[in-house]
N, C-alpha and C. Protein backbone atom coordinates (compact mmCIF):
# COMPACT_ATOMS: atom_id res chain seq x y z
N MET A 1 87.08 63.20 37.07
CA MET A 1 88.42 63.66 37.43
C MET A 1 88.84 63.15 38.80
N VAL A 2 87.94 63.23 39.78
CA VAL A 2 88.23 62.77 41.13
C VAL A 2 88.53 61.28 41.11
N ARG A 3 87.84 60.55 40.27
CA ARG A 3 88.06 59.13 40.15
C ARG A 3 89.49 58.83 39.69
N TYR A 4 90.03 59.63 38.78
CA TYR A 4 91.39 59.43 38.28
C TYR A 4 92.44 59.81 39.32
N LEU A 5 92.17 60.82 40.14
CA LEU A 5 93.10 61.23 41.20
C LEU A 5 93.34 60.10 42.19
N LYS A 6 92.32 59.32 42.42
CA LYS A 6 92.43 58.20 43.35
C LYS A 6 93.50 57.21 42.88
N TYR A 7 93.67 57.08 41.58
CA TYR A 7 94.66 56.17 41.02
C TYR A 7 95.98 56.88 40.68
N LEU A 8 95.88 58.15 40.36
CA LEU A 8 97.05 58.92 39.95
C LEU A 8 97.98 59.22 41.13
N THR A 9 97.44 59.52 42.30
CA THR A 9 98.26 59.87 43.47
C THR A 9 99.21 58.74 43.85
N PRO A 10 98.74 57.49 44.02
CA PRO A 10 99.69 56.41 44.35
C PRO A 10 100.73 56.19 43.25
N LEU A 11 100.34 56.39 42.00
CA LEU A 11 101.28 56.22 40.90
C LEU A 11 102.39 57.26 40.97
N VAL A 12 102.04 58.51 41.25
CA VAL A 12 103.03 59.58 41.36
C VAL A 12 103.96 59.31 42.55
N VAL A 13 103.41 58.92 43.68
CA VAL A 13 104.23 58.60 44.85
C VAL A 13 105.18 57.45 44.53
N PHE A 14 104.70 56.42 43.89
CA PHE A 14 105.52 55.28 43.50
C PHE A 14 106.67 55.72 42.58
N LEU A 15 106.37 56.55 41.60
CA LEU A 15 107.40 57.00 40.66
C LEU A 15 108.47 57.85 41.36
N VAL A 16 108.07 58.67 42.32
CA VAL A 16 109.03 59.48 43.07
C VAL A 16 109.95 58.57 43.90
N VAL A 17 109.38 57.57 44.55
CA VAL A 17 110.18 56.63 45.34
C VAL A 17 111.15 55.87 44.44
N VAL A 18 110.68 55.42 43.30
CA VAL A 18 111.55 54.71 42.35
C VAL A 18 112.68 55.62 41.88
N TRP A 19 112.38 56.87 41.63
CA TRP A 19 113.40 57.82 41.19
C TRP A 19 114.49 57.96 42.26
N PHE A 20 114.10 58.14 43.54
CA PHE A 20 115.08 58.28 44.63
C PHE A 20 115.91 57.01 44.78
N LEU A 21 115.28 55.87 44.73
CA LEU A 21 116.02 54.60 44.85
C LEU A 21 116.98 54.41 43.68
N GLY A 22 116.52 54.74 42.49
CA GLY A 22 117.38 54.63 41.31
C GLY A 22 118.57 55.56 41.38
N ARG A 23 118.34 56.77 41.86
CA ARG A 23 119.43 57.74 42.02
C ARG A 23 120.47 57.24 43.02
N GLY A 24 120.00 56.60 44.10
CA GLY A 24 120.90 56.08 45.12
C GLY A 24 121.83 55.00 44.61
N LEU A 25 121.42 54.29 43.58
CA LEU A 25 122.28 53.24 43.02
C LEU A 25 123.55 53.80 42.39
N TYR A 26 123.53 55.06 42.03
CA TYR A 26 124.69 55.67 41.37
C TYR A 26 125.57 56.49 42.31
N LEU A 27 125.24 56.51 43.60
CA LEU A 27 126.05 57.23 44.56
C LEU A 27 127.19 56.34 45.06
N ASN A 28 128.32 56.95 45.37
CA ASN A 28 129.47 56.22 45.88
C ASN A 28 129.38 56.16 47.41
N PRO A 29 129.25 54.96 47.99
CA PRO A 29 129.12 54.88 49.45
C PRO A 29 130.37 55.32 50.19
N ARG A 30 131.51 55.41 49.54
CA ARG A 30 132.74 55.87 50.18
C ARG A 30 132.78 57.40 50.29
N GLU A 31 131.91 58.08 49.58
CA GLU A 31 131.90 59.53 49.60
C GLU A 31 130.84 60.04 50.56
N VAL A 32 131.05 59.75 51.84
CA VAL A 32 130.16 60.25 52.88
C VAL A 32 130.67 61.63 53.25
N PRO A 33 129.86 62.66 53.06
CA PRO A 33 130.35 64.00 53.36
C PRO A 33 130.65 64.15 54.85
N SER A 34 131.76 64.77 55.14
CA SER A 34 132.14 64.97 56.53
C SER A 34 131.93 66.43 56.90
N PRO A 35 131.22 66.67 58.00
CA PRO A 35 131.04 68.06 58.43
C PRO A 35 132.32 68.68 58.94
N LEU A 36 133.37 67.88 59.15
CA LEU A 36 134.63 68.41 59.68
C LEU A 36 135.59 68.91 58.62
N VAL A 37 135.38 68.53 57.36
CA VAL A 37 136.28 69.01 56.31
C VAL A 37 136.17 70.53 56.24
N ASP A 38 137.32 71.17 56.19
CA ASP A 38 137.46 72.63 56.21
C ASP A 38 137.14 73.26 57.56
N LYS A 39 137.18 72.43 58.59
CA LYS A 39 136.99 72.90 59.97
C LYS A 39 138.23 72.49 60.77
N PRO A 40 138.48 73.14 61.90
CA PRO A 40 139.63 72.76 62.73
C PRO A 40 139.53 71.30 63.19
N ALA A 41 140.65 70.61 63.11
CA ALA A 41 140.70 69.23 63.60
C ALA A 41 140.55 69.24 65.12
N PRO A 42 139.85 68.27 65.66
CA PRO A 42 139.76 68.19 67.12
C PRO A 42 141.15 68.09 67.76
N VAL A 43 141.35 68.85 68.78
CA VAL A 43 142.62 68.80 69.52
C VAL A 43 142.50 67.64 70.51
N PHE A 44 143.53 66.82 70.58
CA PHE A 44 143.49 65.68 71.49
C PHE A 44 144.85 65.41 72.09
N SER A 45 144.82 64.74 73.22
CA SER A 45 146.03 64.29 73.89
C SER A 45 145.71 62.93 74.51
N VAL A 46 146.41 61.90 74.03
CA VAL A 46 146.21 60.54 74.53
C VAL A 46 147.57 59.87 74.71
N ALA A 47 147.55 58.72 75.34
CA ALA A 47 148.79 57.99 75.56
C ALA A 47 149.43 57.60 74.23
N ASP A 48 150.75 57.61 74.22
CA ASP A 48 151.50 57.13 73.06
C ASP A 48 151.43 55.61 73.07
N LEU A 49 151.21 55.02 71.90
CA LEU A 49 151.08 53.57 71.80
C LEU A 49 152.36 52.86 72.27
N HIS A 50 153.51 53.37 71.86
CA HIS A 50 154.79 52.73 72.18
C HIS A 50 155.25 53.00 73.60
N ARG A 51 154.96 54.20 74.09
CA ARG A 51 155.39 54.61 75.43
C ARG A 51 154.18 55.14 76.19
N PRO A 52 153.45 54.26 76.86
CA PRO A 52 152.19 54.67 77.50
C PRO A 52 152.37 55.72 78.60
N GLU A 53 153.57 55.87 79.10
CA GLU A 53 153.80 56.90 80.12
C GLU A 53 153.86 58.30 79.51
N ARG A 54 153.98 58.37 78.19
CA ARG A 54 154.02 59.66 77.48
C ARG A 54 152.69 59.92 76.79
N GLN A 55 152.41 61.18 76.60
CA GLN A 55 151.19 61.59 75.89
C GLN A 55 151.56 62.07 74.49
N PHE A 56 150.70 61.75 73.54
CA PHE A 56 150.83 62.36 72.22
C PHE A 56 149.74 63.40 72.12
N SER A 57 150.12 64.60 71.72
CA SER A 57 149.16 65.68 71.55
C SER A 57 149.16 66.13 70.10
N SER A 58 147.98 66.30 69.56
CA SER A 58 147.87 66.77 68.17
C SER A 58 148.46 68.16 68.01
N GLU A 59 148.56 68.90 69.08
CA GLU A 59 149.14 70.25 69.00
C GLU A 59 150.61 70.21 68.59
N LYS A 60 151.27 69.07 68.78
CA LYS A 60 152.67 68.92 68.35
C LYS A 60 152.80 69.01 66.83
N MET A 61 151.70 68.79 66.13
CA MET A 61 151.74 68.77 64.66
C MET A 61 151.42 70.14 64.05
N MET A 62 151.06 71.11 64.88
CA MET A 62 150.72 72.43 64.35
C MET A 62 151.91 73.01 63.59
N GLY A 63 151.62 73.70 62.51
CA GLY A 63 152.65 74.32 61.70
C GLY A 63 153.16 73.44 60.58
N GLN A 64 152.62 72.23 60.48
CA GLN A 64 153.02 71.34 59.38
C GLN A 64 151.80 70.60 58.83
N VAL A 65 151.89 70.24 57.59
CA VAL A 65 150.87 69.40 56.97
C VAL A 65 151.13 67.98 57.43
N TRP A 66 150.07 67.24 57.80
CA TRP A 66 150.25 65.88 58.27
C TRP A 66 149.05 65.03 57.93
N ILE A 67 149.26 63.72 58.01
CA ILE A 67 148.21 62.75 57.76
C ILE A 67 147.90 62.04 59.07
N LEU A 68 146.61 61.89 59.36
CA LEU A 68 146.16 61.07 60.48
C LEU A 68 145.51 59.84 59.90
N ASN A 69 146.08 58.68 60.21
CA ASN A 69 145.55 57.40 59.72
C ASN A 69 144.96 56.64 60.91
N VAL A 70 143.65 56.41 60.88
CA VAL A 70 142.96 55.69 61.95
C VAL A 70 142.96 54.21 61.57
N TRP A 71 143.48 53.37 62.46
CA TRP A 71 143.65 51.95 62.14
C TRP A 71 143.50 51.10 63.40
N ALA A 72 143.40 49.79 63.20
CA ALA A 72 143.36 48.84 64.31
C ALA A 72 143.91 47.49 63.83
N SER A 73 144.49 46.74 64.74
CA SER A 73 145.06 45.44 64.36
C SER A 73 143.98 44.44 63.97
N TRP A 74 142.76 44.61 64.44
CA TRP A 74 141.66 43.70 64.13
C TRP A 74 140.97 44.03 62.80
N CYS A 75 141.43 45.06 62.13
CA CYS A 75 140.79 45.57 60.91
C CYS A 75 141.47 44.98 59.67
N ARG A 76 140.73 44.17 58.93
CA ARG A 76 141.26 43.55 57.71
C ARG A 76 141.61 44.60 56.64
N ALA A 77 140.74 45.58 56.46
CA ALA A 77 140.98 46.61 55.46
C ALA A 77 142.22 47.44 55.80
N CYS A 78 142.51 47.60 57.09
CA CYS A 78 143.72 48.32 57.51
C CYS A 78 144.97 47.58 57.04
N ARG A 79 144.91 46.26 57.11
CA ARG A 79 146.03 45.44 56.66
C ARG A 79 146.25 45.62 55.15
N ASP A 80 145.16 45.79 54.41
CA ASP A 80 145.27 45.97 52.95
C ASP A 80 145.96 47.28 52.59
N GLU A 81 145.64 48.36 53.31
CA GLU A 81 146.21 49.66 52.96
C GLU A 81 147.57 49.92 53.60
N HIS A 82 147.90 49.18 54.64
CA HIS A 82 149.10 49.46 55.42
C HIS A 82 150.40 49.51 54.60
N PRO A 83 150.63 48.57 53.66
CA PRO A 83 151.87 48.66 52.87
C PRO A 83 152.01 49.98 52.12
N LEU A 84 150.90 50.58 51.74
CA LEU A 84 150.96 51.88 51.05
C LEU A 84 151.47 52.97 51.99
N PHE A 85 151.03 52.92 53.25
CA PHE A 85 151.52 53.91 54.22
C PHE A 85 152.97 53.64 54.60
N VAL A 86 153.36 52.37 54.65
CA VAL A 86 154.77 52.05 54.93
C VAL A 86 155.64 52.65 53.82
N GLU A 87 155.23 52.48 52.58
CA GLU A 87 155.98 53.04 51.45
C GLU A 87 155.99 54.57 51.49
N LEU A 88 154.84 55.18 51.78
CA LEU A 88 154.76 56.64 51.89
C LEU A 88 155.66 57.12 53.02
N GLY A 89 155.68 56.42 54.13
CA GLY A 89 156.56 56.79 55.24
C GLY A 89 158.03 56.74 54.86
N ARG A 90 158.41 55.75 54.06
CA ARG A 90 159.80 55.66 53.59
C ARG A 90 160.20 56.84 52.72
N LYS A 91 159.23 57.35 51.95
CA LYS A 91 159.52 58.48 51.06
C LYS A 91 159.67 59.79 51.83
N ASN A 92 159.19 59.82 53.07
CA ASN A 92 159.34 60.99 53.93
C ASN A 92 158.75 62.26 53.31
N ILE A 93 157.62 62.12 52.65
CA ILE A 93 156.95 63.27 52.02
C ILE A 93 156.17 64.07 53.05
N VAL A 94 155.56 63.37 53.99
CA VAL A 94 154.66 64.00 54.95
C VAL A 94 154.68 63.17 56.24
N PRO A 95 154.60 63.82 57.40
CA PRO A 95 154.50 63.04 58.64
C PRO A 95 153.14 62.32 58.69
N ILE A 96 153.19 61.05 59.06
CA ILE A 96 151.97 60.25 59.21
C ILE A 96 151.84 59.90 60.68
N VAL A 97 150.70 60.25 61.25
CA VAL A 97 150.41 59.91 62.64
C VAL A 97 149.37 58.80 62.61
N GLY A 98 149.62 57.74 63.35
CA GLY A 98 148.66 56.65 63.46
C GLY A 98 147.78 56.86 64.68
N LEU A 99 146.50 56.65 64.51
CA LEU A 99 145.57 56.67 65.64
C LEU A 99 145.05 55.25 65.78
N ASN A 100 145.61 54.53 66.74
CA ASN A 100 145.20 53.15 66.98
C ASN A 100 143.87 53.18 67.72
N TYR A 101 142.83 52.64 67.09
CA TYR A 101 141.45 52.82 67.50
C TYR A 101 140.85 51.57 68.13
N LYS A 102 140.45 51.70 69.40
CA LYS A 102 139.75 50.62 70.13
C LYS A 102 140.44 49.27 69.98
N ASP A 103 141.70 49.24 70.31
CA ASP A 103 142.53 48.06 70.09
C ASP A 103 143.20 47.65 71.40
N GLN A 104 143.79 46.49 71.42
CA GLN A 104 144.62 46.05 72.53
C GLN A 104 146.06 46.47 72.24
N ARG A 105 146.70 47.10 73.20
CA ARG A 105 148.06 47.64 73.00
C ARG A 105 149.01 46.57 72.47
N GLY A 106 149.03 45.40 73.08
CA GLY A 106 149.94 44.34 72.65
C GLY A 106 149.70 43.90 71.22
N ASP A 107 148.42 43.77 70.84
CA ASP A 107 148.09 43.39 69.46
C ASP A 107 148.54 44.46 68.47
N ALA A 108 148.34 45.71 68.83
CA ALA A 108 148.73 46.81 67.95
C ALA A 108 150.25 46.87 67.77
N LEU A 109 150.98 46.72 68.87
CA LEU A 109 152.44 46.76 68.79
C LEU A 109 152.98 45.59 67.97
N GLU A 110 152.40 44.42 68.14
CA GLU A 110 152.83 43.25 67.37
C GLU A 110 152.53 43.46 65.88
N TRP A 111 151.38 44.05 65.59
CA TRP A 111 150.98 44.31 64.22
C TRP A 111 151.99 45.24 63.53
N LEU A 112 152.37 46.31 64.23
CA LEU A 112 153.35 47.25 63.67
C LEU A 112 154.73 46.60 63.53
N ARG A 113 155.11 45.76 64.50
CA ARG A 113 156.40 45.07 64.42
C ARG A 113 156.44 44.15 63.20
N ALA A 114 155.35 43.45 62.95
CA ALA A 114 155.31 42.48 61.86
C ALA A 114 155.15 43.14 60.48
N LEU A 115 154.37 44.20 60.41
CA LEU A 115 154.02 44.79 59.10
C LEU A 115 154.76 46.08 58.78
N GLY A 116 155.48 46.63 59.75
CA GLY A 116 156.19 47.89 59.53
C GLY A 116 155.46 49.03 60.21
N ASP A 117 156.22 50.02 60.61
CA ASP A 117 155.66 51.17 61.33
C ASP A 117 155.95 52.45 60.56
N PRO A 118 154.98 52.96 59.80
CA PRO A 118 155.20 54.15 59.00
C PRO A 118 154.97 55.45 59.76
N TYR A 119 154.60 55.36 61.03
CA TYR A 119 154.12 56.53 61.77
C TYR A 119 155.23 57.26 62.51
N VAL A 120 155.20 58.57 62.44
CA VAL A 120 156.13 59.38 63.23
C VAL A 120 155.69 59.37 64.69
N ALA A 121 154.41 59.11 64.91
CA ALA A 121 153.85 58.98 66.26
C ALA A 121 152.62 58.08 66.15
N SER A 122 152.36 57.36 67.23
CA SER A 122 151.18 56.50 67.29
C SER A 122 150.39 56.85 68.54
N ALA A 123 149.21 57.40 68.34
CA ALA A 123 148.32 57.73 69.44
C ALA A 123 147.44 56.52 69.75
N TYR A 124 147.22 56.26 71.02
CA TYR A 124 146.48 55.08 71.44
C TYR A 124 145.09 55.50 71.94
N ASP A 125 144.10 55.29 71.10
CA ASP A 125 142.71 55.69 71.40
C ASP A 125 141.93 54.47 71.86
N VAL A 126 142.24 54.01 73.07
CA VAL A 126 141.70 52.75 73.57
C VAL A 126 140.18 52.76 73.68
N ASP A 127 139.58 53.88 74.05
CA ASP A 127 138.13 53.92 74.24
C ASP A 127 137.38 54.55 73.06
N GLY A 128 138.12 54.99 72.05
CA GLY A 128 137.49 55.53 70.85
C GLY A 128 137.01 56.96 70.94
N ARG A 129 137.36 57.68 71.99
CA ARG A 129 136.88 59.07 72.15
C ARG A 129 137.44 60.01 71.10
N VAL A 130 138.72 59.85 70.79
CA VAL A 130 139.32 60.71 69.76
C VAL A 130 138.66 60.41 68.41
N GLY A 131 138.49 59.13 68.11
CA GLY A 131 137.81 58.74 66.89
C GLY A 131 136.41 59.34 66.80
N MET A 132 135.69 59.34 67.91
CA MET A 132 134.36 59.94 67.92
C MET A 132 134.43 61.43 67.62
N ASP A 133 135.42 62.10 68.20
CA ASP A 133 135.58 63.54 67.94
C ASP A 133 135.84 63.83 66.47
N PHE A 134 136.53 62.90 65.80
CA PHE A 134 136.82 63.05 64.37
C PHE A 134 135.67 62.56 63.49
N GLY A 135 134.65 61.99 64.10
CA GLY A 135 133.53 61.49 63.31
C GLY A 135 133.85 60.21 62.58
N VAL A 136 134.69 59.36 63.18
CA VAL A 136 135.08 58.11 62.54
C VAL A 136 133.85 57.21 62.41
N TYR A 137 133.61 56.75 61.19
CA TYR A 137 132.52 55.81 60.92
C TYR A 137 132.98 54.39 61.15
N GLY A 138 134.24 54.14 60.90
CA GLY A 138 134.84 52.82 61.03
C GLY A 138 136.27 52.91 60.54
N VAL A 139 137.05 51.89 60.82
CA VAL A 139 138.44 51.92 60.38
C VAL A 139 138.59 51.14 59.09
N PRO A 140 139.51 51.52 58.25
CA PRO A 140 140.41 52.67 58.36
C PRO A 140 139.76 53.95 57.85
N GLU A 141 140.27 55.04 58.34
CA GLU A 141 139.94 56.36 57.83
C GLU A 141 141.23 57.18 57.82
N THR A 142 141.33 58.07 56.86
CA THR A 142 142.54 58.87 56.71
C THR A 142 142.17 60.33 56.53
N TYR A 143 142.89 61.19 57.23
CA TYR A 143 142.64 62.63 57.19
C TYR A 143 143.92 63.35 56.77
N VAL A 144 143.75 64.41 55.97
CA VAL A 144 144.86 65.32 55.67
C VAL A 144 144.57 66.60 56.44
N ILE A 145 145.54 67.02 57.25
CA ILE A 145 145.38 68.20 58.10
C ILE A 145 146.45 69.21 57.72
N ASP A 146 146.04 70.46 57.53
CA ASP A 146 146.99 71.47 57.07
C ASP A 146 147.78 72.11 58.21
N LYS A 147 148.62 73.07 57.87
CA LYS A 147 149.52 73.70 58.83
C LYS A 147 148.79 74.45 59.95
N GLN A 148 147.57 74.89 59.66
CA GLN A 148 146.77 75.61 60.65
C GLN A 148 145.89 74.67 61.47
N GLY A 149 145.99 73.38 61.22
CA GLY A 149 145.20 72.41 61.96
C GLY A 149 143.80 72.22 61.42
N ILE A 150 143.60 72.54 60.14
CA ILE A 150 142.30 72.41 59.49
C ILE A 150 142.26 71.09 58.72
N ILE A 151 141.19 70.33 58.88
CA ILE A 151 141.02 69.10 58.11
C ILE A 151 140.69 69.49 56.67
N ARG A 152 141.51 69.05 55.73
CA ARG A 152 141.30 69.39 54.32
C ARG A 152 140.76 68.23 53.50
N TYR A 153 140.87 67.01 54.05
CA TYR A 153 140.38 65.85 53.29
C TYR A 153 140.15 64.70 54.25
N LYS A 154 139.10 63.92 53.97
CA LYS A 154 138.81 62.72 54.74
C LYS A 154 138.54 61.58 53.76
N HIS A 155 139.25 60.47 53.96
CA HIS A 155 139.05 59.28 53.12
C HIS A 155 138.50 58.18 54.02
N ILE A 156 137.33 57.70 53.68
CA ILE A 156 136.70 56.61 54.43
C ILE A 156 137.05 55.29 53.75
N GLY A 157 137.47 54.33 54.56
CA GLY A 157 137.83 53.02 54.02
C GLY A 157 139.30 52.99 53.65
N PRO A 158 139.74 51.85 53.13
CA PRO A 158 141.17 51.72 52.81
C PRO A 158 141.54 52.56 51.59
N VAL A 159 142.67 53.25 51.69
CA VAL A 159 143.16 53.98 50.52
C VAL A 159 143.73 52.97 49.53
N THR A 160 143.64 53.32 48.28
CA THR A 160 144.27 52.53 47.23
C THR A 160 145.51 53.27 46.78
N ALA A 161 146.35 52.62 46.01
CA ALA A 161 147.55 53.29 45.50
C ALA A 161 147.15 54.52 44.70
N LYS A 162 146.09 54.39 43.91
CA LYS A 162 145.64 55.51 43.08
C LYS A 162 145.11 56.66 43.93
N SER A 163 144.23 56.36 44.90
CA SER A 163 143.67 57.44 45.72
C SER A 163 144.74 58.08 46.60
N LEU A 164 145.69 57.28 47.05
CA LEU A 164 146.77 57.85 47.86
C LEU A 164 147.58 58.84 47.04
N GLU A 165 147.91 58.47 45.81
CA GLU A 165 148.74 59.34 44.97
C GLU A 165 147.96 60.54 44.43
N THR A 166 146.77 60.28 43.88
CA THR A 166 146.05 61.36 43.18
C THR A 166 145.28 62.29 44.11
N LYS A 167 144.90 61.80 45.27
CA LYS A 167 144.13 62.66 46.19
C LYS A 167 144.95 63.07 47.40
N VAL A 168 145.44 62.10 48.15
CA VAL A 168 146.10 62.40 49.42
C VAL A 168 147.44 63.09 49.19
N VAL A 169 148.35 62.44 48.48
CA VAL A 169 149.69 63.01 48.29
C VAL A 169 149.63 64.29 47.46
N ALA A 170 148.78 64.31 46.46
CA ALA A 170 148.64 65.54 45.65
C ALA A 170 148.19 66.71 46.52
N LEU A 171 147.23 66.47 47.40
CA LEU A 171 146.76 67.54 48.28
C LEU A 171 147.85 67.93 49.28
N VAL A 172 148.56 66.96 49.82
CA VAL A 172 149.64 67.25 50.76
C VAL A 172 150.66 68.17 50.11
N LYS A 173 151.08 67.84 48.89
CA LYS A 173 152.09 68.66 48.21
C LYS A 173 151.56 70.07 47.95
N GLU A 174 150.30 70.16 47.59
CA GLU A 174 149.69 71.49 47.37
C GLU A 174 149.68 72.30 48.66
N LEU A 175 149.32 71.67 49.76
CA LEU A 175 149.24 72.37 51.05
C LEU A 175 150.61 72.72 51.62
N GLN A 176 151.64 71.97 51.23
CA GLN A 176 152.99 72.25 51.74
C GLN A 176 153.62 73.47 51.07
N GLN A 177 153.09 73.90 49.97
CA GLN A 177 153.69 75.05 49.26
C GLN A 177 153.38 76.36 49.94
């Protein structure tokens, strides 16, 4: 019996490792759980992208449902999702706040001028501190924040037309009631 245990133990360990690796193949890498969902959104105050002499404060958004879209002009995926936010901004369903993340002001302003500006406000997070407070893994990221300032949803990566409509906008409409 002892002789078989010598061979059985490595086999069991190998099978357990294979099981975990196999299970990981079926996980969605975009579904990284956020510890901030259902918690108060970090309160922040940073320079406004368009008017650096003014501050944008997240407290201005209290009492309304809003979207925070973290983006940068150097981000290719941000360019892919941006037309969807421009269209959503035109529909005026929900205020969208842009958080320009670790970018050059001139590049960001040129990007918005060329591609459209869907944001009711643009916060300029030059050093990434606000992004760190929100637990940003990388840009783009999108958050839905309710009237009480609670994060209700976090989308990592570029939103698609389908995810914007079925998850983000659907949740916004539910929270606005």
